[in-house]
Amino acid sequence: MKFLTLLLNTFTQTNIIMKNHFKLFTLLIAITLISCNNKPITEEQGFEYGTASNGRYTNKFFDIKMNIPKDWDVQSQKESDAIMEEGKDMVAGDNKKMKAALKASEINTANLLTVFKVKPGTNTNEFNSSIMMVAENLKKAPNITSGDKYLTQTRKIMMAGEMKYDHIDEVFEKKMINGWEFYTMHVSATFNGIEVQQTYLATIKDGFAIGLIYSYADEVQKAEIEKWINTFDYYRKK
């Protein structure tokens, strides 16, 4: 399944923050739930990655839309896929069995959207908060019928990996967003004294899981991101 402040003044210290954040952002994103013979998600009839333009992301295949900050950096598909690959390496570590499972499950997942507050690698003195949207084909997993069941499996996989977390929620709170039933998991991890927070929202629709993952350093950044998260809605309002 696809899924944390420290202000430093010198150029070198800032680069360290950006590098660590880029990696920490990938911790949850790389985790996939199933290694089964699903039809590749990109071959589903009508599939599309969606479009981010003029402060809005839209996707007709999943029937979703969400406002995004116009001045944030939208990653290309190639850049989003690179983030996923780095995350897989971090999550699996030296666990060959997990590496194989992650590799086998690639066909089931798609990176729909990745946005950073500033372009990764930019010289900045604050944590580079971010939002990602991912989708996974669950049609061969009929028992995964809700976001909390999806997150339960996600948590198990995370705990079995090489990555060490400071905290992973055991109970998942339900969050309704414009008629969509999401469940929420909070995660935190520390690298070189830098603590990063992540929130993972998961919902199930028509045999697919849709996940929203956002990374932030404090409650101010979290509140800023959630203004945009709360615009998630149906593309075709019913």
C-alpha atoms as a PDB file:
ATOM      1  CA  MET A   1       0.000   0.000   0.000  1.00  0.00           C
ATOM      2  CA  LYS A   2       1.251   3.061  -1.046  1.00  0.00           C
ATOM      3  CA  PHE A   3       2.648   5.622   2.573  1.00  0.00           C
ATOM      4  CA  LEU A   4       7.740  13.549   9.361  1.00  0.00           C
ATOM      5  CA  THR A   5      10.864  20.695  12.658  1.00  0.00           C
ATOM      6  CA  LEU A   6      13.835  21.729  12.641  1.00  0.00           C
ATOM      7  CA  LEU A   7      14.894  25.137  11.296  1.00  0.00           C
ATOM      8  CA  LEU A   8      18.503  25.329  10.127  1.00  0.00           C
ATOM      9  CA  ASN A   9      20.257  28.383   8.743  1.00  0.00           C
ATOM     10  CA  THR A  10      23.190  27.200   6.679  1.00  0.00           C
ATOM     11  CA  PHE A  11      22.956  25.932   3.106  1.00  0.00           C
ATOM     12  CA  THR A  12      24.386  22.547   4.073  1.00  0.00           C
ATOM     13  CA  GLN A  13      21.947  22.038   6.943  1.00  0.00           C
ATOM     14  CA  THR A  14      19.018  22.995   4.748  1.00  0.00           C
ATOM     15  CA  ASN A  15      20.027  20.468   2.112  1.00  0.00           C
ATOM     16  CA  ILE A  16      20.084  17.786   4.818  1.00  0.00           C
ATOM     17  CA  ILE A  17      16.528  18.644   5.783  1.00  0.00           C
ATOM     18  CA  MET A  18      15.353  18.514   2.182  1.00  0.00           C
ATOM     19  CA  LYS A  19      17.074  15.206   1.519  1.00  0.00           C
ATOM     20  CA  ASN A  20      15.694  13.582   4.648  1.00  0.00           C
ATOM     21  CA  HIS A  21      12.233  14.917   3.975  1.00  0.00           C
ATOM     22  CA  PHE A  22      12.235  13.573   0.442  1.00  0.00           C
ATOM     23  CA  LYS A  23      13.029  10.118   1.806  1.00  0.00           C
ATOM     24  CA  LEU A  24      10.701  10.295   4.775  1.00  0.00           C
ATOM     25  CA  PHE A  25       7.867  11.286   2.475  1.00  0.00           C
ATOM     26  CA  THR A  26       8.209   7.914   0.778  1.00  0.00           C
ATOM     27  CA  LEU A  27       7.840   5.773   3.891  1.00  0.00           C
ATOM     28  CA  LEU A  28       4.159   5.002   3.464  1.00  0.00           C
ATOM     29  CA  ILE A  29       3.886   5.506  -0.257  1.00  0.00           C
ATOM     30  CA  ALA A  30       5.781   2.369  -1.187  1.00  0.00           C
ATOM     31  CA  ILE A  31       3.738  -0.038   0.886  1.00  0.00           C
ATOM     32  CA  THR A  32       1.424  -2.189  -1.188  1.00  0.00           C
ATOM     33  CA  LEU A  33      -1.222  -4.509   0.132  1.00  0.00           C
ATOM     34  CA  ILE A  34      -1.457  -7.386  -2.299  1.00  0.00           C
ATOM     35  CA  SER A  35       0.880  -9.391  -4.485  1.00  0.00           C
ATOM     36  CA  CYS A  36      -1.759 -11.025  -6.656  1.00  0.00           C
ATOM     37  CA  ASN A  37      -2.496 -11.367 -10.340  1.00  0.00           C
ATOM     38  CA  ASN A  38      -4.739  -8.361 -10.741  1.00  0.00           C
ATOM     39  CA  LYS A  39      -5.162  -6.823 -14.126  1.00  0.00           C
ATOM     40  CA  PRO A  40      -2.645  -3.955 -14.237  1.00  0.00           C
ATOM     41  CA  ILE A  41      -4.369  -0.851 -12.926  1.00  0.00           C
ATOM     42  CA  THR A  42      -3.222   1.136 -15.958  1.00  0.00           C
ATOM     43  CA  GLU A  43      -5.013  -1.347 -18.249  1.00  0.00           C
ATOM     44  CA  GLU A  44      -8.396  -0.909 -16.591  1.00  0.00           C
ATOM     45  CA  GLN A  45     -10.836   0.431 -19.169  1.00  0.00           C
ATOM     46  CA  GLY A  46     -10.895   4.220 -19.032  1.00  0.00           C
ATOM     47  CA  PHE A  47      -7.998   4.496 -16.569  1.00  0.00           C
ATOM     48  CA  GLU A  48      -6.260   7.850 -16.340  1.00  0.00           C
ATOM     49  CA  TYR A  49      -3.718   9.411 -14.000  1.00  0.00           C
ATOM     50  CA  GLY A  50      -5.762  12.589 -13.885  1.00  0.00           C
ATOM     51  CA  THR A  51      -4.817  16.202 -14.493  1.00  0.00           C
ATOM     52  CA  ALA A  52      -3.481  18.935 -12.204  1.00  0.00           C
ATOM     53  CA  SER A  53      -4.130  22.388 -13.630  1.00  0.00           C
ATOM     54  CA  ASN A  54      -5.055  25.861 -12.360  1.00  0.00           C
ATOM     55  CA  GLY A  55      -5.147  24.810  -8.717  1.00  0.00           C
ATOM     56  CA  ARG A  56      -7.276  21.695  -9.155  1.00  0.00           C
ATOM     57  CA  TYR A  57      -6.684  17.973  -9.624  1.00  0.00           C
ATOM     58  CA  THR A  58      -9.363  16.033 -11.522  1.00  0.00           C
ATOM     59  CA  ASN A  59      -9.710  12.362 -12.431  1.00  0.00           C
ATOM     60  CA  LYS A  60     -12.730  11.140 -14.380  1.00  0.00           C
ATOM     61  CA  PHE A  61     -11.876   7.440 -14.000  1.00  0.00           C
ATOM     62  CA  PHE A  62     -12.029   7.532 -10.196  1.00  0.00           C
ATOM     63  CA  ASP A  63     -14.653  10.318 -10.272  1.00  0.00           C
ATOM     64  CA  ILE A  64     -12.643  12.591  -8.003  1.00  0.00           C
ATOM     65  CA  LYS A  65     -11.438  16.171  -7.791  1.00  0.00           C
ATOM     66  CA  MET A  66      -9.452  18.154  -5.224  1.00  0.00           C
ATOM     67  CA  ASN A  67      -8.152  21.699  -5.007  1.00  0.00           C
ATOM     68  CA  ILE A  68      -4.382  22.070  -4.689  1.00  0.00           C
ATOM     69  CA  PRO A  69      -2.272  25.179  -3.971  1.00  0.00           C
ATOM     70  CA  LYS A  70      -1.489  26.944  -7.240  1.00  0.00           C
ATOM     71  CA  ASP A  71       2.026  27.889  -6.136  1.00  0.00           C
ATOM     72  CA  TRP A  72       3.067  24.387  -4.987  1.00  0.00           C
ATOM     73  CA  ASP A  73       5.329  22.167  -7.092  1.00  0.00           C
ATOM     74  CA  VAL A  74       3.443  19.423  -8.962  1.00  0.00           C
ATOM     75  CA  GLN A  75       5.689  16.462  -9.700  1.00  0.00           C
ATOM     76  CA  SER A  76       5.685  14.787 -13.096  1.00  0.00           C
ATOM     77  CA  GLN A  77       4.704  11.139 -13.430  1.00  0.00           C
ATOM     78  CA  LYS A  78       8.360  10.200 -13.766  1.00  0.00           C
ATOM     79  CA  GLU A  79       9.258  12.136 -10.606  1.00  0.00           C
ATOM     80  CA  SER A  80       6.380  10.549  -8.677  1.00  0.00           C
ATOM     81  CA  ASP A  81       7.447   7.062  -9.744  1.00  0.00           C
ATOM     82  CA  ALA A  82      11.020   7.810  -8.629  1.00  0.00           C
ATOM     83  CA  ILE A  83       9.713   8.700  -5.166  1.00  0.00           C
ATOM     84  CA  MET A  84       7.899   5.369  -5.041  1.00  0.00           C
ATOM     85  CA  GLU A  85      11.026   3.445  -5.970  1.00  0.00           C
ATOM     86  CA  GLU A  86      13.118   5.129  -3.291  1.00  0.00           C
ATOM     87  CA  GLY A  87      10.408   4.440  -0.740  1.00  0.00           C
ATOM     88  CA  LYS A  88      10.340   0.759  -1.577  1.00  0.00           C
ATOM     89  CA  ASP A  89      14.055   0.477  -0.890  1.00  0.00           C
ATOM     90  CA  MET A  90      13.660   2.230   2.466  1.00  0.00           C
ATOM     91  CA  VAL A  91      10.701   0.146   3.589  1.00  0.00           C
ATOM     92  CA  ALA A  92      12.122  -3.244   2.559  1.00  0.00           C
ATOM     93  CA  GLY A  93      15.736  -2.654   3.592  1.00  0.00           C
ATOM     94  CA  ASP A  94      17.563  -5.986   3.321  1.00  0.00           C
ATOM     95  CA  ASN A  95      14.346  -8.006   3.500  1.00  0.00           C
ATOM     96  CA  LYS A  96      14.491  -9.843   0.161  1.00  0.00           C
ATOM     97  CA  LYS A  97      11.042 -11.365   0.585  1.00  0.00           C
ATOM     98  CA  MET A  98       9.459  -7.950   1.070  1.00  0.00           C
ATOM     99  CA  LYS A  99      11.422  -6.516  -1.868  1.00  0.00           C
ATOM    100  CA  ALA A 100      10.040  -9.278  -4.079  1.00  0.00           C
ATOM    101  CA  ALA A 101       6.491  -8.693  -2.845  1.00  0.00           C
ATOM    102  CA  LEU A 102       6.746  -4.955  -3.468  1.00  0.00           C
ATOM    103  CA  LYS A 103       8.089  -5.584  -6.946  1.00  0.00           C
ATOM    104  CA  ALA A 104       5.317  -8.057  -7.751  1.00  0.00           C
ATOM    105  CA  SER A 105       2.620  -5.639  -6.610  1.00  0.00           C
ATOM    106  CA  GLU A 106       3.737  -2.749  -8.818  1.00  0.00           C
ATOM    107  CA  ILE A 107       1.090  -3.490 -11.421  1.00  0.00           C
ATOM    108  CA  ASN A 108      -1.668  -2.902  -8.862  1.00  0.00           C
ATOM    109  CA  THR A 109      -0.759   0.656  -7.926  1.00  0.00           C
ATOM    110  CA  ALA A 110      -0.651   4.090  -9.533  1.00  0.00           C
ATOM    111  CA  ASN A 111       0.748   7.415  -8.329  1.00  0.00           C
ATOM    112  CA  LEU A 112      -1.983   9.880  -9.208  1.00  0.00           C
ATOM    113  CA  LEU A 113      -0.670  13.114  -7.728  1.00  0.00           C
ATOM    114  CA  THR A 114       2.411  14.396  -5.878  1.00  0.00           C
ATOM    115  CA  VAL A 115       2.812  18.031  -4.784  1.00  0.00           C
ATOM    116  CA  PHE A 116       5.453  19.704  -2.607  1.00  0.00           C
ATOM    117  CA  LYS A 117       5.222  23.176  -1.098  1.00  0.00           C
ATOM    118  CA  VAL A 118       8.522  23.974  -2.818  1.00  0.00           C
ATOM    119  CA  LYS A 119      10.442  22.020  -5.419  1.00  0.00           C
ATOM    120  CA  PRO A 120      12.563  19.290  -3.775  1.00  0.00           C
ATOM    121  CA  GLY A 121      16.161  20.428  -3.482  1.00  0.00           C
ATOM    122  CA  THR A 122      15.254  24.104  -3.093  1.00  0.00           C
ATOM    123  CA  ASN A 123      17.182  26.042  -0.459  1.00  0.00           C
ATOM    124  CA  THR A 124      14.635  26.655   2.314  1.00  0.00           C
ATOM    125  CA  ASN A 125      14.659  27.041   6.072  1.00  0.00           C
ATOM    126  CA  GLU A 126      11.440  25.199   6.743  1.00  0.00           C
ATOM    127  CA  PHE A 127      10.148  21.677   6.326  1.00  0.00           C
ATOM    128  CA  ASN A 128       8.843  21.035   2.815  1.00  0.00           C
ATOM    129  CA  SER A 129       5.303  19.798   3.394  1.00  0.00           C
ATOM    130  CA  SER A 130       3.683  17.630   0.741  1.00  0.00           C
ATOM    131  CA  ILE A 131       0.593  15.782  -0.459  1.00  0.00           C
ATOM    132  CA  MET A 132       0.348  12.576  -2.476  1.00  0.00           C
ATOM    133  CA  MET A 133      -2.604  10.665  -3.904  1.00  0.00           C
ATOM    134  CA  VAL A 134      -2.272   6.993  -4.835  1.00  0.00           C
ATOM    135  CA  ALA A 135      -4.622   4.258  -6.031  1.00  0.00           C
ATOM    136  CA  GLU A 136      -4.491   0.480  -5.762  1.00  0.00           C
ATOM    137  CA  ASN A 137      -6.483  -2.234  -7.532  1.00  0.00           C
ATOM    138  CA  LEU A 138      -8.204  -4.448  -4.919  1.00  0.00           C
ATOM    139  CA  LYS A 139     -10.503  -6.450  -7.152  1.00  0.00           C
ATOM    140  CA  LYS A 140      -8.751  -9.670  -6.152  1.00  0.00           C
ATOM    141  CA  ALA A 141      -9.122  -8.756  -2.464  1.00  0.00           C
ATOM    142  CA  PRO A 142     -12.907  -8.742  -1.873  1.00  0.00           C
ATOM    143  CA  ASN A 143     -12.411  -8.797   1.911  1.00  0.00           C
ATOM    144  CA  ILE A 144     -10.924  -5.291   1.852  1.00  0.00           C
ATOM    145  CA  THR A 145     -14.159  -3.338   1.844  1.00  0.00           C
ATOM    146  CA  SER A 146     -13.326  -0.228   3.867  1.00  0.00           C
ATOM    147  CA  GLY A 147     -10.497   2.146   4.573  1.00  0.00           C
ATOM    148  CA  ASP A 148      -9.909   0.812   8.080  1.00  0.00           C
ATOM    149  CA  LYS A 149      -9.421  -2.734   6.786  1.00  0.00           C
ATOM    150  CA  TYR A 150      -6.989  -1.421   4.214  1.00  0.00           C
ATOM    151  CA  LEU A 151      -5.026   0.484   6.864  1.00  0.00           C
ATOM    152  CA  THR A 152      -4.978  -2.559   9.139  1.00  0.00           C
ATOM    153  CA  GLN A 153      -3.140  -4.496   6.446  1.00  0.00           C
ATOM    154  CA  THR A 154      -0.905  -1.509   5.732  1.00  0.00           C
ATOM    155  CA  ARG A 155       0.122  -1.306   9.385  1.00  0.00           C
ATOM    156  CA  LYS A 156       0.996  -5.011   9.490  1.00  0.00           C
ATOM    157  CA  ILE A 157       3.266  -4.639   6.466  1.00  0.00           C
ATOM    158  CA  MET A 158       4.913  -1.546   7.929  1.00  0.00           C
ATOM    159  CA  MET A 159       5.629  -3.304  11.206  1.00  0.00           C
ATOM    160  CA  ALA A 160       7.193  -6.227   9.338  1.00  0.00           C
ATOM    161  CA  GLY A 161       9.595  -4.030   7.371  1.00  0.00           C
ATOM    162  CA  GLU A 162      13.052  -2.698   8.187  1.00  0.00           C
ATOM    163  CA  MET A 163      11.944   0.889   8.802  1.00  0.00           C
ATOM    164  CA  LYS A 164      11.630   1.943  12.464  1.00  0.00           C
ATOM    165  CA  TYR A 165       8.766   4.256  13.386  1.00  0.00           C
ATOM    166  CA  ASP A 166       8.242   6.340  16.511  1.00  0.00           C
ATOM    167  CA  HIS A 167       4.489   5.883  16.276  1.00  0.00           C
ATOM    168  CA  ILE A 168       1.872   4.188  14.098  1.00  0.00           C
ATOM    169  CA  ASP A 169      -1.804   4.424  15.022  1.00  0.00           C
ATOM    170  CA  GLU A 170      -3.435   1.175  16.058  1.00  0.00           C
ATOM    171  CA  VAL A 171      -6.993   2.539  15.889  1.00  0.00           C
ATOM    172  CA  PHE A 172      -8.171   4.377  12.783  1.00  0.00           C
ATOM    173  CA  GLU A 173     -10.590   7.272  13.044  1.00  0.00           C
ATOM    174  CA  LYS A 174     -13.341   7.679  10.460  1.00  0.00           C
ATOM    175  CA  LYS A 175     -13.333  10.994   8.593  1.00  0.00           C
ATOM    176  CA  MET A 176     -16.105  12.017   6.221  1.00  0.00           C
ATOM    177  CA  ILE A 177     -15.103  14.364   3.406  1.00  0.00           C
ATOM    178  CA  ASN A 178     -17.931  15.536   1.144  1.00  0.00           C
ATOM    179  CA  GLY A 179     -19.677  12.165   1.284  1.00  0.00           C
ATOM    180  CA  TRP A 180     -16.499  10.051   1.055  1.00  0.00           C
ATOM    181  CA  GLU A 181     -15.773   7.710   3.972  1.00  0.00           C
ATOM    182  CA  PHE A 182     -12.068   7.813   4.800  1.00  0.00           C
ATOM    183  CA  TYR A 183     -10.141   6.266   7.667  1.00  0.00           C
ATOM    184  CA  THR A 184      -7.081   7.966   9.119  1.00  0.00           C
ATOM    185  CA  MET A 185      -3.682   6.641  10.255  1.00  0.00           C
ATOM    186  CA  HIS A 186      -1.011   8.871  11.818  1.00  0.00           C
ATOM    187  CA  VAL A 187       2.663   7.928  11.602  1.00  0.00           C
ATOM    188  CA  SER A 188       5.850   9.587  12.835  1.00  0.00           C
ATOM    189  CA  ALA A 189       9.536   8.796  12.374  1.00  0.00           C
ATOM    190  CA  THR A 190      12.826  10.471  13.254  1.00  0.00           C
ATOM    191  CA  PHE A 191      15.964  10.735  11.135  1.00  0.00           C
ATOM    192  CA  ASN A 192      19.098  12.447  12.440  1.00  0.00           C
ATOM    193  CA  GLY A 193      17.025  14.272  15.031  1.00  0.00           C
ATOM    194  CA  ILE A 194      14.406  15.417  12.508  1.00  0.00           C
ATOM    195  CA  GLU A 195      10.887  14.284  13.365  1.00  0.00           C
ATOM    196  CA  VAL A 196       8.396  14.118  10.531  1.00  0.00           C
ATOM    197  CA  GLN A 197       4.668  13.467  10.783  1.00  0.00           C
ATOM    198  CA  GLN A 198       2.518  11.756   8.175  1.00  0.00           C
ATOM    199  CA  THR A 199      -1.226  11.258   7.902  1.00  0.00           C
ATOM    200  CA  TYR A 200      -2.646   8.555   5.663  1.00  0.00           C
ATOM    201  CA  LEU A 201      -6.299   8.657   4.560  1.00  0.00           C
ATOM    202  CA  ALA A 202      -7.769   5.605   2.835  1.00  0.00           C
ATOM    203  CA  THR A 203     -11.116   4.950   1.173  1.00  0.00           C
ATOM    204  CA  ILE A 204     -12.471   2.147  -1.029  1.00  0.00           C
ATOM    205  CA  LYS A 205     -14.438   2.754  -4.234  1.00  0.00           C
ATOM    206  CA  ASP A 206     -15.505   0.265  -6.900  1.00  0.00           C
ATOM    207  CA  GLY A 207     -12.761  -2.247  -6.121  1.00  0.00           C
ATOM    208  CA  PHE A 208      -9.996   0.341  -5.758  1.00  0.00           C
ATOM    209  CA  ALA A 209      -8.323   1.881  -2.732  1.00  0.00           C
ATOM    210  CA  ILE A 210      -7.627   5.608  -2.914  1.00  0.00           C
ATOM    211  CA  GLY A 211      -5.039   6.968  -0.484  1.00  0.00           C
ATOM    212  CA  LEU A 212      -4.123  10.519   0.459  1.00  0.00           C
ATOM    213  CA  ILE A 213      -0.768  10.876   2.205  1.00  0.00           C
ATOM    214  CA  TYR A 214       0.447  14.179   3.574  1.00  0.00           C
ATOM    215  CA  SER A 215       3.679  15.035   5.364  1.00  0.00           C
ATOM    216  CA  TYR A 216       4.250  17.951   7.723  1.00  0.00           C
ATOM    217  CA  ALA A 217       6.395  19.111  10.613  1.00  0.00           C
ATOM    218  CA  ASP A 218       3.863  20.688  12.961  1.00  0.00           C
ATOM    219  CA  GLU A 219       0.199  21.499  13.518  1.00  0.00           C
ATOM    220  CA  VAL A 220       0.449  24.731  11.510  1.00  0.00           C
ATOM    221  CA  GLN A 221       1.603  22.894   8.396  1.00  0.00           C
ATOM    222  CA  LYS A 222      -0.928  20.138   9.016  1.00  0.00           C
ATOM    223  CA  ALA A 223      -3.802  22.641   9.191  1.00  0.00           C
ATOM    224  CA  GLU A 224      -2.593  24.315   5.995  1.00  0.00           C
ATOM    225  CA  ILE A 225      -2.620  20.988   4.131  1.00  0.00           C
ATOM    226  CA  GLU A 226      -5.970  19.854   5.495  1.00  0.00           C
ATOM    227  CA  LYS A 227      -7.681  22.920   4.007  1.00  0.00           C
ATOM    228  CA  TRP A 228      -6.872  21.377   0.638  1.00  0.00           C
ATOM    229  CA  ILE A 229      -7.543  17.773   1.682  1.00  0.00           C
ATOM    230  CA  ASN A 230     -11.042  18.804   2.756  1.00  0.00           C
ATOM    231  CA  THR A 231     -11.858  19.879  -0.818  1.00  0.00           C
ATOM    232  CA  PHE A 232     -11.650  16.241  -1.982  1.00  0.00           C
ATOM    233  CA  ASP A 233     -14.961  15.512  -3.678  1.00  0.00           C
ATOM    234  CA  TYR A 234     -16.754  13.666  -6.461  1.00  0.00           C
ATOM    235  CA  TYR A 235     -15.860  14.914  -9.926  1.00  0.00           C
ATOM    236  CA  ARG A 236     -19.483  14.446 -10.938  1.00  0.00           C
ATOM    237  CA  LYS A 237     -21.436  15.652  -7.922  1.00  0.00           C
ATOM    238  CA  LYS A 238     -24.390  13.354  -7.277  1.00  0.00           C
END
